[in-house]
Amino acid sequence: MRYVDLSHTIHDGMITYKGLPAPIICDFYSRDESIRFYDGDTSFQIGQVTMVGNTGTYMDCPFHRFKDGKDFSELFLSDMADLDGIRISVPHFESLSIEKEHLSGLDVRGKAVLLHTGWDQFWRQDQYFENHPFLSKTAAEYLRSQQVKVVGIDSHNMDDTRGKTRPAHTILLEAGILVVEHLCQLHLVPANGFYFTAVPPRIKGTGSFPVRAFAKF
């Protein structure tokens, strides 16, 4: 069994989404500070992390868009783990808009659909935030009709952020379809015949949170 990590590393000061604060990762107790609590040379590091939910590779659940939608405490592991996956490649230099035509004819029903655009090559560059690949409204409607489980993308946002509407998020999350953004290394995943997992903590009252996303095959 081979595993491919599809998550970006989260580190102190990293900007995932312009306008949102970077994570602060530091010691709550350093090893030198903690040694006073123990005998001999025993010491521990206890870390402290302050961050918004939209940090690194993260998942959006229905509560992110809808106040009555399910949050992460209400999801089942079967919604997020060992999902039958399909990778659909739409290179960003061919089309920024992922359309229904890119998906039609493929067996996506009930699967985790991973949209491979190659945009992750610009991660942590200014270009990453501008004119990025996105899922069109009609494509989102098609995926809803196919009752997919998860839609992931290796881009800045599932929607076109040049406008103020968010049809892909609205359509998918209203249907209970989970969204994973800022994936990476999708070129290492086969087109099909793999399982996808992306699981956040069982946390209540928030709609977005980082995940460790990976494929196995």
Protein backbone atom coordinates (compact mmCIF):
# COMPACT_ATOMS: atom_id res chain seq x y z
CA MET A 1 0.00 0.00 0.00
CA ARG A 2 1.38 3.42 -0.96
CA TYR A 3 0.42 6.67 0.72
CA VAL A 4 0.68 10.16 -0.82
CA ASP A 5 0.39 13.17 1.46
CA LEU A 6 -1.77 15.82 -0.21
CA SER A 7 -1.42 18.45 2.54
CA HIS A 8 0.71 21.57 2.79
CA THR A 9 2.88 21.93 5.89
CA ILE A 10 1.53 24.53 8.33
CA HIS A 11 4.18 26.71 9.91
CA ASP A 12 4.40 29.92 11.88
CA GLY A 13 3.67 33.03 9.83
CA MET A 14 2.32 31.23 6.77
CA ILE A 15 -0.41 33.03 4.79
CA THR A 16 -3.00 30.72 3.26
CA TYR A 17 -5.64 33.29 2.32
CA LYS A 18 -4.92 36.99 1.90
CA GLY A 19 -6.78 39.07 4.50
CA LEU A 20 -6.77 36.26 7.07
CA PRO A 21 -4.11 36.12 9.79
CA ALA A 22 -1.19 33.72 9.65
CA PRO A 23 -0.90 31.02 12.31
CA ILE A 24 1.16 31.69 15.42
CA ILE A 25 2.99 28.55 16.49
CA CYS A 26 5.10 28.79 19.62
CA ASP A 27 5.96 27.17 22.94
CA PHE A 28 3.49 27.34 25.78
CA TYR A 29 6.15 25.59 27.83
CA SER A 30 9.59 25.17 26.32
CA ARG A 31 11.78 22.22 27.31
CA ASP A 32 13.95 24.52 29.41
CA GLU A 33 10.89 25.93 31.21
CA SER A 34 9.28 22.54 31.82
CA ILE A 35 12.31 20.89 33.38
CA ARG A 36 11.49 22.51 36.74
CA PHE A 37 8.36 20.36 37.01
CA TYR A 38 10.17 17.02 36.78
CA ASP A 39 13.05 15.10 38.30
CA GLY A 40 16.42 14.72 36.67
CA ASP A 41 16.75 15.88 33.08
CA THR A 42 13.14 15.07 32.14
CA SER A 43 11.53 17.80 30.04
CA PHE A 44 8.68 18.24 27.60
CA GLN A 45 7.61 20.77 24.99
CA ILE A 46 3.98 21.91 25.07
CA GLY A 47 3.08 23.87 21.99
CA GLN A 48 0.51 26.58 21.44
CA VAL A 49 -1.16 27.23 18.10
CA THR A 50 -3.36 30.23 17.30
CA MET A 51 -4.92 30.19 13.84
CA VAL A 52 -8.09 30.64 11.80
CA GLY A 53 -9.78 27.53 10.45
CA ASN A 54 -8.85 28.42 6.87
CA THR A 55 -5.18 27.55 7.28
CA GLY A 56 -3.09 25.23 5.13
CA THR A 57 -5.00 22.40 3.50
CA TYR A 58 -8.46 22.59 5.05
CA MET A 59 -11.96 21.22 4.81
CA ASP A 60 -15.22 23.18 4.62
CA CYS A 61 -18.30 21.48 6.07
CA PRO A 62 -21.92 22.70 5.65
CA PHE A 63 -21.74 24.94 8.75
CA HIS A 64 -19.17 27.07 6.93
CA ARG A 65 -21.90 28.32 4.59
CA PHE A 66 -25.16 27.58 6.42
CA LYS A 67 -25.89 28.33 10.08
CA ASP A 68 -28.03 25.20 10.38
CA GLY A 69 -25.57 23.02 8.48
CA LYS A 70 -23.59 20.20 10.08
CA ASP A 71 -20.32 21.10 11.78
CA PHE A 72 -17.38 18.75 12.20
CA SER A 73 -18.73 17.23 15.40
CA GLU A 74 -21.73 15.94 13.44
CA LEU A 75 -19.86 14.28 10.59
CA PHE A 76 -19.17 10.55 10.47
CA LEU A 77 -15.73 9.15 9.74
CA SER A 78 -17.33 7.36 6.80
CA ASP A 79 -17.98 10.83 5.29
CA MET A 80 -14.26 11.62 5.25
CA ALA A 81 -12.12 8.49 5.39
CA ASP A 82 -11.22 5.77 2.87
CA LEU A 83 -13.47 7.22 0.18
CA ASP A 84 -13.30 5.79 -3.31
CA GLY A 85 -11.48 8.53 -5.24
CA ILE A 86 -11.08 9.86 -8.75
CA ARG A 87 -8.54 12.44 -9.92
CA ILE A 88 -9.64 14.70 -12.75
CA SER A 89 -6.88 16.71 -14.43
CA VAL A 90 -7.72 20.11 -15.90
CA PRO A 91 -4.36 21.91 -16.29
CA HIS A 92 -4.55 25.58 -15.31
CA PHE A 93 -2.81 26.64 -18.52
CA GLU A 94 -5.63 25.07 -20.54
CA SER A 95 -8.62 26.34 -18.53
CA LEU A 96 -9.11 28.12 -15.23
CA SER A 97 -12.79 27.25 -15.16
CA ILE A 98 -13.54 23.57 -14.53
CA GLU A 99 -16.75 22.90 -16.43
CA LYS A 100 -19.32 20.12 -16.56
CA GLU A 101 -17.75 18.98 -19.83
CA HIS A 102 -14.54 18.13 -17.97
CA LEU A 103 -16.51 15.78 -15.70
CA SER A 104 -19.17 14.26 -17.94
CA GLY A 105 -18.64 10.65 -18.93
CA LEU A 106 -16.52 9.89 -15.85
CA ASP A 107 -17.70 7.64 -13.04
CA VAL A 108 -17.83 10.14 -10.15
CA ARG A 109 -21.01 8.99 -8.38
CA GLY A 110 -20.52 8.66 -4.65
CA LYS A 111 -16.78 9.37 -4.87
CA ALA A 112 -14.24 11.85 -3.62
CA VAL A 113 -13.52 13.99 -6.69
CA LEU A 114 -10.05 15.58 -6.67
CA LEU A 115 -9.55 18.38 -9.18
CA HIS A 116 -5.93 18.44 -10.31
CA THR A 117 -5.00 21.76 -11.90
CA GLY A 118 -1.30 22.04 -11.02
CA TRP A 119 -1.90 25.38 -9.33
CA ASP A 120 -0.12 24.19 -6.19
CA GLN A 121 3.16 24.93 -7.98
CA PHE A 122 2.52 28.60 -7.05
CA TRP A 123 2.00 27.90 -3.33
CA ARG A 124 3.42 30.74 -1.19
CA GLN A 125 3.85 32.95 -4.26
CA ASP A 126 1.77 36.04 -4.98
CA GLN A 127 0.44 34.40 -8.14
CA TYR A 128 -1.27 31.73 -6.03
CA PHE A 129 -3.92 34.19 -4.87
CA GLU A 130 -4.83 35.66 -8.28
CA ASN A 131 -6.81 34.27 -11.25
CA HIS A 132 -6.73 30.74 -9.92
CA PRO A 133 -8.59 27.64 -11.18
CA PHE A 134 -12.11 27.11 -9.86
CA LEU A 135 -15.20 24.94 -10.21
CA SER A 136 -18.02 26.47 -12.27
CA LYS A 137 -21.62 26.61 -11.12
CA THR A 138 -22.79 24.11 -13.74
CA ALA A 139 -19.98 21.70 -12.82
CA ALA A 140 -20.93 21.98 -9.13
CA GLU A 141 -24.55 21.25 -10.01
CA TYR A 142 -23.45 18.19 -11.96
CA LEU A 143 -21.38 16.88 -9.04
CA ARG A 144 -24.37 17.43 -6.76
CA SER A 145 -26.53 15.39 -9.12
CA GLN A 146 -23.97 12.59 -8.92
CA GLN A 147 -24.13 12.63 -5.10
CA VAL A 148 -20.36 12.83 -4.70
CA LYS A 149 -18.97 12.72 -1.16
CA VAL A 150 -16.12 15.24 -1.31
CA VAL A 151 -14.75 17.69 -3.86
CA GLY A 152 -11.14 18.76 -3.47
CA ILE A 153 -8.96 21.15 -5.45
CA ASP A 154 -5.27 22.07 -5.49
CA SER A 155 -6.11 25.74 -5.86
CA HIS A 156 -6.75 28.86 -3.80
CA ASN A 157 -10.53 28.48 -3.72
CA MET A 158 -13.26 26.22 -5.08
CA ASP A 159 -14.99 29.37 -6.39
CA ASP A 160 -13.87 32.15 -8.68
CA THR A 161 -12.79 34.84 -6.19
CA ARG A 162 -12.81 37.58 -8.82
CA GLY A 163 -16.50 37.97 -8.01
CA LYS A 164 -18.48 38.09 -4.77
CA THR A 165 -20.72 35.08 -5.35
CA ARG A 166 -19.72 31.61 -4.22
CA PRO A 167 -21.96 29.23 -6.20
CA ALA A 168 -19.73 26.15 -5.91
CA HIS A 169 -19.53 26.38 -2.11
CA THR A 170 -23.26 27.05 -1.87
CA ILE A 171 -24.31 24.18 -4.13
CA LEU A 172 -21.94 21.60 -2.68
CA LEU A 173 -22.25 22.43 1.00
CA GLU A 174 -26.03 22.74 0.86
CA ALA A 175 -26.07 19.17 -0.45
CA GLY A 176 -23.77 17.99 2.35
CA ILE A 177 -20.80 17.55 0.01
CA LEU A 178 -17.56 18.39 1.79
CA VAL A 179 -15.03 20.75 0.21
CA VAL A 180 -11.25 20.46 0.55
CA GLU A 181 -9.07 23.33 -0.69
CA HIS A 182 -5.30 23.86 -1.07
CA LEU A 183 -4.45 20.26 -1.87
CA CYS A 184 -1.03 19.47 -3.31
CA GLN A 185 0.94 16.71 -5.04
CA LEU A 186 -2.09 15.40 -6.92
CA HIS A 187 0.20 14.51 -9.83
CA LEU A 188 1.44 11.61 -7.67
CA VAL A 189 -2.06 10.10 -7.41
CA PRO A 190 -3.46 7.76 -10.08
CA ALA A 191 -6.57 8.80 -11.99
CA ASN A 192 -8.61 6.16 -10.16
CA GLY A 193 -8.23 3.08 -8.00
CA PHE A 194 -7.26 4.97 -4.84
CA TYR A 195 -8.83 5.88 -1.51
CA PHE A 196 -8.96 9.44 -0.20
CA THR A 197 -8.97 10.55 3.43
CA ALA A 198 -9.19 14.05 4.90
CA VAL A 199 -10.17 14.21 8.57
CA PRO A 200 -10.26 17.26 10.87
CA PRO A 201 -10.65 17.09 14.67
CA ARG A 202 -14.14 16.42 16.00
CA ILE A 203 -14.61 20.10 16.75
CA LYS A 204 -17.93 21.86 17.33
CA GLY A 205 -18.99 25.32 16.23
CA THR A 206 -16.73 25.94 13.24
CA GLY A 207 -17.10 25.27 9.54
CA SER A 208 -13.51 25.14 8.29
CA PHE A 209 -10.47 23.41 9.74
CA PRO A 210 -7.11 22.04 8.60
CA VAL A 211 -6.92 18.37 7.60
CA ARG A 212 -4.22 15.84 6.94
CA ALA A 213 -5.34 14.77 3.47
CA PHE A 214 -3.87 11.73 1.79
CA ALA A 215 -4.45 9.12 -0.87
CA LYS A 216 -3.61 5.43 -0.62
CA PHE A 217 -3.46 2.91 -3.41
